[in-house]
Amino acid sequence: MQAEKRLGLESKAPFDKILVSASIEQLPEEIIIQLAVGGILVIPIREAIWQVHKTSATQHSIHKYPGFVFVPLQR
């Protein structure tokens, strides 16, 4: 699913997997909301890839993998 100029596609949520391919400065809550419980988000934040696992409606765990460079997200 591709969405231009916005973060995600709320009308089709929740998603089991979300992959963002451009870097952003901080973890956007509007994408976390669209992730299903048990779902995984992979997103470049600054110079790291973050893997976010949504463990409940209000909690998630994060694993960070540093050392990557992506083009910035244009909003």
PDB file of N, CA and C in Angstrom:
ATOM      1  N   MET A   1       0.851  -1.153   0.000  1.00  0.00           N
ATOM      2  CA  MET A   1       0.000   0.000   0.000  1.00  0.00           C
ATOM      3  C   MET A   1       0.908   1.231   0.000  1.00  0.00           C
ATOM      4  N   GLN A   2       0.627   2.191  -0.829  1.00  0.00           N
ATOM      5  CA  GLN A   2       1.408   3.413  -0.907  1.00  0.00           C
ATOM      6  C   GLN A   2       0.499   4.595  -0.611  1.00  0.00           C
ATOM      7  N   ALA A   3       0.998   5.500   0.211  1.00  0.00           N
ATOM      8  CA  ALA A   3       0.234   6.707   0.522  1.00  0.00           C
ATOM      9  C   ALA A   3       1.159   7.899   0.365  1.00  0.00           C
ATOM     10  N   GLU A   4       0.764   8.858  -0.427  1.00  0.00           N
ATOM     11  CA  GLU A   4       1.608  10.009  -0.683  1.00  0.00           C
ATOM     12  C   GLU A   4       1.223  11.187   0.202  1.00  0.00           C
ATOM     13  N   LYS A   5       2.226  11.908   0.671  1.00  0.00           N
ATOM     14  CA  LYS A   5       2.053  13.156   1.428  1.00  0.00           C
ATOM     15  C   LYS A   5       1.321  12.994   2.750  1.00  0.00           C
ATOM     16  N   ARG A   6       1.185  11.783   3.220  1.00  0.00           N
ATOM     17  CA  ARG A   6       0.594  11.564   4.538  1.00  0.00           C
ATOM     18  C   ARG A   6       1.226  10.304   5.109  1.00  0.00           C
ATOM     19  N   LEU A   7       1.029  10.093   6.373  1.00  0.00           N
ATOM     20  CA  LEU A   7       1.628   8.932   7.021  1.00  0.00           C
ATOM     21  C   LEU A   7       0.586   7.842   7.183  1.00  0.00           C
ATOM     22  N   GLY A   8       0.663   6.864   6.310  1.00  0.00           N
ATOM     23  CA  GLY A   8      -0.221   5.717   6.407  1.00  0.00           C
ATOM     24  C   GLY A   8      -1.494   5.871   5.612  1.00  0.00           C
ATOM     25  N   LEU A   9      -2.416   4.974   5.912  1.00  0.00           N
ATOM     26  CA  LEU A   9      -3.702   4.964   5.234  1.00  0.00           C
ATOM     27  C   LEU A   9      -4.736   4.463   6.237  1.00  0.00           C
ATOM     28  N   GLU A  10      -5.191   5.375   7.082  1.00  0.00           N
ATOM     29  CA  GLU A  10      -6.064   5.016   8.203  1.00  0.00           C
ATOM     30  C   GLU A  10      -7.317   4.256   7.786  1.00  0.00           C
ATOM     31  N   SER A  11      -7.849   4.540   6.614  1.00  0.00           N
ATOM     32  CA  SER A  11      -9.094   3.889   6.190  1.00  0.00           C
ATOM     33  C   SER A  11      -8.928   2.389   5.949  1.00  0.00           C
ATOM     34  N   LYS A  12      -7.696   1.908   5.776  1.00  0.00           N
ATOM     35  CA  LYS A  12      -7.433   0.481   5.542  1.00  0.00           C
ATOM     36  C   LYS A  12      -6.816  -0.206   6.765  1.00  0.00           C
ATOM     37  N   ALA A  13      -6.560   0.529   7.830  1.00  0.00           N
ATOM     38  CA  ALA A  13      -5.919  -0.015   9.036  1.00  0.00           C
ATOM     39  C   ALA A  13      -6.873  -0.935   9.774  1.00  0.00           C
ATOM     40  N   PRO A  14      -6.378  -1.836  10.590  1.00  0.00           N
ATOM     41  CA  PRO A  14      -4.986  -1.988  11.014  1.00  0.00           C
ATOM     42  C   PRO A  14      -4.190  -2.891  10.063  1.00  0.00           C
ATOM     43  N   PHE A  15      -2.871  -2.680  10.071  1.00  0.00           N
ATOM     44  CA  PHE A  15      -1.951  -3.431   9.227  1.00  0.00           C
ATOM     45  C   PHE A  15      -1.091  -4.352  10.079  1.00  0.00           C
ATOM     46  N   ASP A  16      -0.803  -5.536   9.563  1.00  0.00           N
ATOM     47  CA  ASP A  16       0.090  -6.471  10.254  1.00  0.00           C
ATOM     48  C   ASP A  16       1.548  -6.073  10.094  1.00  0.00           C
ATOM     49  N   LYS A  17       1.873  -5.472   8.956  1.00  0.00           N
ATOM     50  CA  LYS A  17       3.245  -5.051   8.674  1.00  0.00           C
ATOM     51  C   LYS A  17       3.195  -3.683   8.002  1.00  0.00           C
ATOM     52  N   ILE A  18       4.123  -2.810   8.396  1.00  0.00           N
ATOM     53  CA  ILE A  18       4.264  -1.506   7.758  1.00  0.00           C
ATOM     54  C   ILE A  18       5.747  -1.293   7.505  1.00  0.00           C
ATOM     55  N   LEU A  19       6.094  -0.923   6.268  1.00  0.00           N
ATOM     56  CA  LEU A  19       7.474  -0.620   5.894  1.00  0.00           C
ATOM     57  C   LEU A  19       7.520   0.806   5.381  1.00  0.00           C
ATOM     58  N   VAL A  20       8.349   1.624   6.014  1.00  0.00           N
ATOM     59  CA  VAL A  20       8.555   3.002   5.585  1.00  0.00           C
ATOM     60  C   VAL A  20       9.943   3.053   4.964  1.00  0.00           C
ATOM     61  N   SER A  21      10.069   3.662   3.783  1.00  0.00           N
ATOM     62  CA  SER A  21      11.347   3.616   3.068  1.00  0.00           C
ATOM     63  C   SER A  21      12.057   4.961   2.980  1.00  0.00           C
ATOM     64  N   ALA A  22      11.631   5.934   3.776  1.00  0.00           N
ATOM     65  CA  ALA A  22      12.314   7.223   3.848  1.00  0.00           C
ATOM     66  C   ALA A  22      12.468   7.603   5.319  1.00  0.00           C
ATOM     67  N   SER A  23      13.555   8.299   5.622  1.00  0.00           N
ATOM     68  CA  SER A  23      13.897   8.629   7.003  1.00  0.00           C
ATOM     69  C   SER A  23      13.019   9.751   7.560  1.00  0.00           C
ATOM     70  N   ILE A  24      12.744   9.638   8.853  1.00  0.00           N
ATOM     71  CA  ILE A  24      11.958  10.639   9.570  1.00  0.00           C
ATOM     72  C   ILE A  24      12.675  10.915  10.897  1.00  0.00           C
ATOM     73  N   GLU A  25      12.408  12.030  11.524  1.00  0.00           N
ATOM     74  CA  GLU A  25      13.146  12.431  12.725  1.00  0.00           C
ATOM     75  C   GLU A  25      12.705  11.731  14.003  1.00  0.00           C
ATOM     76  N   GLN A  26      11.439  11.359  14.104  1.00  0.00           N
ATOM     77  CA  GLN A  26      10.953  10.698  15.317  1.00  0.00           C
ATOM     78  C   GLN A  26       9.857   9.708  14.958  1.00  0.00           C
ATOM     79  N   LEU A  27       9.597   8.790  15.859  1.00  0.00           N
ATOM     80  CA  LEU A  27       8.590   7.759  15.633  1.00  0.00           C
ATOM     81  C   LEU A  27       7.203   8.399  15.609  1.00  0.00           C
ATOM     82  N   PRO A  28       6.501   8.343  14.475  1.00  0.00           N
ATOM     83  CA  PRO A  28       5.199   9.000  14.369  1.00  0.00           C
ATOM     84  C   PRO A  28       4.069   8.173  14.978  1.00  0.00           C
ATOM     85  N   GLU A  29       3.370   8.758  15.916  1.00  0.00           N
ATOM     86  CA  GLU A  29       2.264   8.080  16.593  1.00  0.00           C
ATOM     87  C   GLU A  29       1.163   7.687  15.610  1.00  0.00           C
ATOM     88  N   GLU A  30       0.954   8.496  14.555  1.00  0.00           N
ATOM     89  CA  GLU A  30      -0.114   8.179  13.604  1.00  0.00           C
ATOM     90  C   GLU A  30       0.138   6.887  12.826  1.00  0.00           C
ATOM     91  N   ILE A  31       1.384   6.434  12.765  1.00  0.00           N
ATOM     92  CA  ILE A  31       1.662   5.132  12.143  1.00  0.00           C
ATOM     93  C   ILE A  31       1.483   4.017  13.168  1.00  0.00           C
ATOM     94  N   ILE A  32       1.920   4.233  14.391  1.00  0.00           N
ATOM     95  CA  ILE A  32       1.760   3.224  15.451  1.00  0.00           C
ATOM     96  C   ILE A  32       0.277   2.883  15.629  1.00  0.00           C
ATOM     97  N   ILE A  33      -0.585   3.880  15.580  1.00  0.00           N
ATOM     98  CA  ILE A  33      -2.025   3.668  15.735  1.00  0.00           C
ATOM     99  C   ILE A  33      -2.563   2.737  14.648  1.00  0.00           C
ATOM    100  N   GLN A  34      -1.989   2.801  13.449  1.00  0.00           N
ATOM    101  CA  GLN A  34      -2.466   1.998  12.320  1.00  0.00           C
ATOM    102  C   GLN A  34      -1.920   0.569  12.317  1.00  0.00           C
ATOM    103  N   LEU A  35      -1.012   0.261  13.232  1.00  0.00           N
ATOM    104  CA  LEU A  35      -0.409  -1.066  13.318  1.00  0.00           C
ATOM    105  C   LEU A  35      -1.285  -1.973  14.180  1.00  0.00           C
ATOM    106  N   ALA A  36      -1.552  -3.172  13.700  1.00  0.00           N
ATOM    107  CA  ALA A  36      -2.341  -4.145  14.464  1.00  0.00           C
ATOM    108  C   ALA A  36      -1.539  -4.648  15.660  1.00  0.00           C
ATOM    109  N   VAL A  37      -2.211  -5.055  16.714  1.00  0.00           N
ATOM    110  CA  VAL A  37      -1.529  -5.691  17.844  1.00  0.00           C
ATOM    111  C   VAL A  37      -0.850  -6.949  17.307  1.00  0.00           C
ATOM    112  N   GLY A  38       0.426  -7.100  17.625  1.00  0.00           N
ATOM    113  CA  GLY A  38       1.233  -8.191  17.084  1.00  0.00           C
ATOM    114  C   GLY A  38       1.924  -7.817  15.790  1.00  0.00           C
ATOM    115  N   GLY A  39       1.623  -6.632  15.255  1.00  0.00           N
ATOM    116  CA  GLY A  39       2.201  -6.179  13.993  1.00  0.00           C
ATOM    117  C   GLY A  39       3.608  -5.638  14.148  1.00  0.00           C
ATOM    118  N   ILE A  40       4.290  -5.509  13.015  1.00  0.00           N
ATOM    119  CA  ILE A  40       5.672  -5.032  12.991  1.00  0.00           C
ATOM    120  C   ILE A  40       5.782  -3.850  12.039  1.00  0.00           C
ATOM    121  N   LEU A  41       6.452  -2.804  12.511  1.00  0.00           N
ATOM    122  CA  LEU A  41       6.769  -1.622  11.720  1.00  0.00           C
ATOM    123  C   LEU A  41       8.276  -1.566  11.554  1.00  0.00           C
ATOM    124  N   VAL A  42       8.746  -1.367  10.323  1.00  0.00           N
ATOM    125  CA  VAL A  42      10.166  -1.135  10.060  1.00  0.00           C
ATOM    126  C   VAL A  42      10.256   0.263   9.469  1.00  0.00           C
ATOM    127  N   ILE A  43      11.035   1.131  10.134  1.00  0.00           N
ATOM    128  CA  ILE A  43      11.087   2.538   9.744  1.00  0.00           C
ATOM    129  C   ILE A  43      12.478   3.112  10.000  1.00  0.00           C
ATOM    130  N   PRO A  44      13.047   3.836   9.025  1.00  0.00           N
ATOM    131  CA  PRO A  44      14.309   4.527   9.281  1.00  0.00           C
ATOM    132  C   PRO A  44      14.050   5.822  10.052  1.00  0.00           C
ATOM    133  N   ILE A  45      14.714   5.939  11.197  1.00  0.00           N
ATOM    134  CA  ILE A  45      14.610   7.152  12.007  1.00  0.00           C
ATOM    135  C   ILE A  45      16.022   7.684  12.196  1.00  0.00           C
ATOM    136  N   ARG A  46      16.208   8.913  11.717  1.00  0.00           N
ATOM    137  CA  ARG A  46      17.534   9.530  11.654  1.00  0.00           C
ATOM    138  C   ARG A  46      18.496   8.573  10.945  1.00  0.00           C
ATOM    139  N   GLU A  47      19.519   8.077  11.600  1.00  0.00           N
ATOM    140  CA  GLU A  47      20.505   7.212  10.937  1.00  0.00           C
ATOM    141  C   GLU A  47      20.459   5.791  11.468  1.00  0.00           C
ATOM    142  N   ALA A  48      19.256   5.312  11.759  1.00  0.00           N
ATOM    143  CA  ALA A  48      19.080   3.938  12.239  1.00  0.00           C
ATOM    144  C   ALA A  48      17.785   3.370  11.660  1.00  0.00           C
ATOM    145  N   ILE A  49      17.739   2.058  11.585  1.00  0.00           N
ATOM    146  CA  ILE A  49      16.490   1.387  11.236  1.00  0.00           C
ATOM    147  C   ILE A  49      15.871   0.910  12.540  1.00  0.00           C
ATOM    148  N   TRP A  50      14.618   1.236  12.746  1.00  0.00           N
ATOM    149  CA  TRP A  50      13.900   0.807  13.946  1.00  0.00           C
ATOM    150  C   TRP A  50      12.917  -0.291  13.560  1.00  0.00           C
ATOM    151  N   GLN A  51      12.893  -1.338  14.360  1.00  0.00           N
ATOM    152  CA  GLN A  51      11.883  -2.382  14.229  1.00  0.00           C
ATOM    153  C   GLN A  51      10.970  -2.248  15.443  1.00  0.00           C
ATOM    154  N   VAL A  52       9.713  -1.947  15.186  1.00  0.00           N
ATOM    155  CA  VAL A  52       8.741  -1.706  16.248  1.00  0.00           C
ATOM    156  C   VAL A  52       7.728  -2.849  16.241  1.00  0.00           C
ATOM    157  N   HIS A  53       7.568  -3.492  17.381  1.00  0.00           N
ATOM    158  CA  HIS A  53       6.600  -4.580  17.522  1.00  0.00           C
ATOM    159  C   HIS A  53       5.506  -4.098  18.466  1.00  0.00           C
ATOM    160  N   LYS A  54       4.274  -4.039  17.994  1.00  0.00           N
ATOM    161  CA  LYS A  54       3.152  -3.577  18.820  1.00  0.00           C
ATOM    162  C   LYS A  54       2.666  -4.745  19.666  1.00  0.00           C
ATOM    163  N   THR A  55       2.856  -4.648  20.978  1.00  0.00           N
ATOM    164  CA  THR A  55       2.557  -5.754  21.886  1.00  0.00           C
ATOM    165  C   THR A  55       1.157  -5.683  22.490  1.00  0.00           C
ATOM    166  N   SER A  56       0.565  -4.501  22.505  1.00  0.00           N
ATOM    167  CA  SER A  56      -0.818  -4.328  22.968  1.00  0.00           C
ATOM    168  C   SER A  56      -1.344  -3.037  22.351  1.00  0.00           C
ATOM    169  N   ALA A  57      -2.576  -2.695  22.644  1.00  0.00           N
ATOM    170  CA  ALA A  57      -3.161  -1.478  22.078  1.00  0.00           C
ATOM    171  C   ALA A  57      -2.404  -0.222  22.497  1.00  0.00           C
ATOM    172  N   THR A  58      -1.703  -0.286  23.634  1.00  0.00           N
ATOM    173  CA  THR A  58      -1.018   0.907  24.152  1.00  0.00           C
ATOM    174  C   THR A  58       0.485   0.746  24.320  1.00  0.00           C
ATOM    175  N   GLN A  59       1.044  -0.424  24.014  1.00  0.00           N
ATOM    176  CA  GLN A  59       2.479  -0.650  24.238  1.00  0.00           C
ATOM    177  C   GLN A  59       3.142  -1.240  23.000  1.00  0.00           C
ATOM    178  N   HIS A  60       4.447  -0.942  22.871  1.00  0.00           N
ATOM    179  CA  HIS A  60       5.237  -1.508  21.793  1.00  0.00           C
ATOM    180  C   HIS A  60       6.693  -1.612  22.236  1.00  0.00           C
ATOM    181  N   SER A  61       7.426  -2.526  21.604  1.00  0.00           N
ATOM    182  CA  SER A  61       8.860  -2.654  21.872  1.00  0.00           C
ATOM    183  C   SER A  61       9.614  -2.185  20.635  1.00  0.00           C
ATOM    184  N   ILE A  62      10.839  -1.701  20.859  1.00  0.00           N
ATOM    185  CA  ILE A  62      11.638  -1.145  19.769  1.00  0.00           C
ATOM    186  C   ILE A  62      13.030  -1.761  19.792  1.00  0.00           C
ATOM    187  N   HIS A  63      13.497  -2.184  18.613  1.00  0.00           N
ATOM    188  CA  HIS A  63      14.890  -2.600  18.418  1.00  0.00           C
ATOM    189  C   HIS A  63      15.485  -1.642  17.396  1.00  0.00           C
ATOM    190  N   LYS A  64      16.655  -1.069  17.717  1.00  0.00           N
ATOM    191  CA  LYS A  64      17.294  -0.088  16.835  1.00  0.00           C
ATOM    192  C   LYS A  64      18.555  -0.682  16.222  1.00  0.00           C
ATOM    193  N   TYR A  65      18.734  -0.447  14.915  1.00  0.00           N
ATOM    194  CA  TYR A  65      19.898  -0.920  14.180  1.00  0.00           C
ATOM    195  C   TYR A  65      20.577   0.294  13.549  1.00  0.00           C
ATOM    196  N   PRO A  66      21.652   0.809  14.162  1.00  0.00           N
ATOM    197  CA  PRO A  66      22.291   2.034  13.677  1.00  0.00           C
ATOM    198  C   PRO A  66      23.168   1.796  12.443  1.00  0.00           C
ATOM    199  N   GLY A  67      23.549   2.907  11.809  1.00  0.00           N
ATOM    200  CA  GLY A  67      24.523   2.860  10.730  1.00  0.00           C
ATOM    201  C   GLY A  67      23.941   2.885   9.331  1.00  0.00           C
ATOM    202  N   PHE A  68      22.743   3.416   9.164  1.00  0.00           N
ATOM    203  CA  PHE A  68      22.100   3.466   7.853  1.00  0.00           C
ATOM    204  C   PHE A  68      21.780   4.906   7.477  1.00  0.00           C
ATOM    205  N   VAL A  69      21.700   5.163   6.181  1.00  0.00           N
ATOM    206  CA  VAL A  69      21.325   6.488   5.687  1.00  0.00           C
ATOM    207  C   VAL A  69      20.218   6.308   4.652  1.00  0.00           C
ATOM    208  N   PHE A  70      19.140   7.047   4.816  1.00  0.00           N
ATOM    209  CA  PHE A  70      18.014   7.020   3.885  1.00  0.00           C
ATOM    210  C   PHE A  70      17.696   8.441   3.455  1.00  0.00           C
ATOM    211  N   VAL A  71      17.012   8.576   2.339  1.00  0.00           N
ATOM    212  CA  VAL A  71      16.537   9.900   1.943  1.00  0.00           C
ATOM    213  C   VAL A  71      15.474  10.335   2.947  1.00  0.00           C
ATOM    214  N   PRO A  72      15.357  11.633   3.211  1.00  0.00           N
ATOM    215  CA  PRO A  72      14.347  12.097   4.169  1.00  0.00           C
ATOM    216  C   PRO A  72      12.938  12.018   3.584  1.00  0.00           C
ATOM    217  N   LEU A  73      11.970  11.785   4.451  1.00  0.00           N
ATOM    218  CA  LEU A  73      10.564  11.767   4.058  1.00  0.00           C
ATOM    219  C   LEU A  73      10.133  13.189   3.735  1.00  0.00           C
ATOM    220  N   GLN A  74       9.525  13.387   2.598  1.00  0.00           N
ATOM    221  CA  GLN A  74       9.015  14.698   2.198  1.00  0.00           C
ATOM    222  C   GLN A  74       7.539  14.757   2.537  1.00  0.00           C
ATOM    223  N   ARG A  75       7.161  15.723   3.366  1.00  0.00           N
ATOM    224  CA  ARG A  75       5.745  15.834   3.769  1.00  0.00           C
ATOM    225  C   ARG A  75       5.135  17.091   3.234  1.00  0.00           C
TER     226      ARG A  75
END
